[in-house]
């Protein structure tokens, strides 16, 4: 299950409910799946292999560095994997590989901001808040090696209180 959260400014969270670090609704959030019809439809298209880019308004929170990193990660093309070092160099902070990794782990909008496309410099998969099994499946999906006819993940939505 996926938890989507946001407000009128855009989506703020996508959380894997049964992953290693589930995102749970915060006090004051209210359930309203109707608010998320478009993002849910786009996720279904992505998981079925029919969508490679999202057209959803995002509103992640974070420090200037985290938001800069998320902007860079959002630009990684579909089906391409880059290393944490590659991202650090693009951010003009080549020695900040660990900071890049830490900020990437705090991505509040995985899949929409495709942190699963960031791997270790040795080509190995590293942490993902949805778990390495899901990271492997997302990368395989984008390489065309995995297709599913029905969405395995179900999405529920919660609207943040204003």
Foldseek 3Di string as FASTA:
>chain_A
DWEWEEAPQFTAAIADCPAPDGDDDDPQWAWDQVVCPQVQVQVFCLQQLNDFADDTRYDYDDDPVLVLLLVVLLPQGQLAAEELQVSCVVVVNNVCSVVSVVSLQVRRYDPNSPSLSYAHPVPHRDDHRRDPVVSVVRSCSSVVNDGDPGDPDHYTYIYHHD
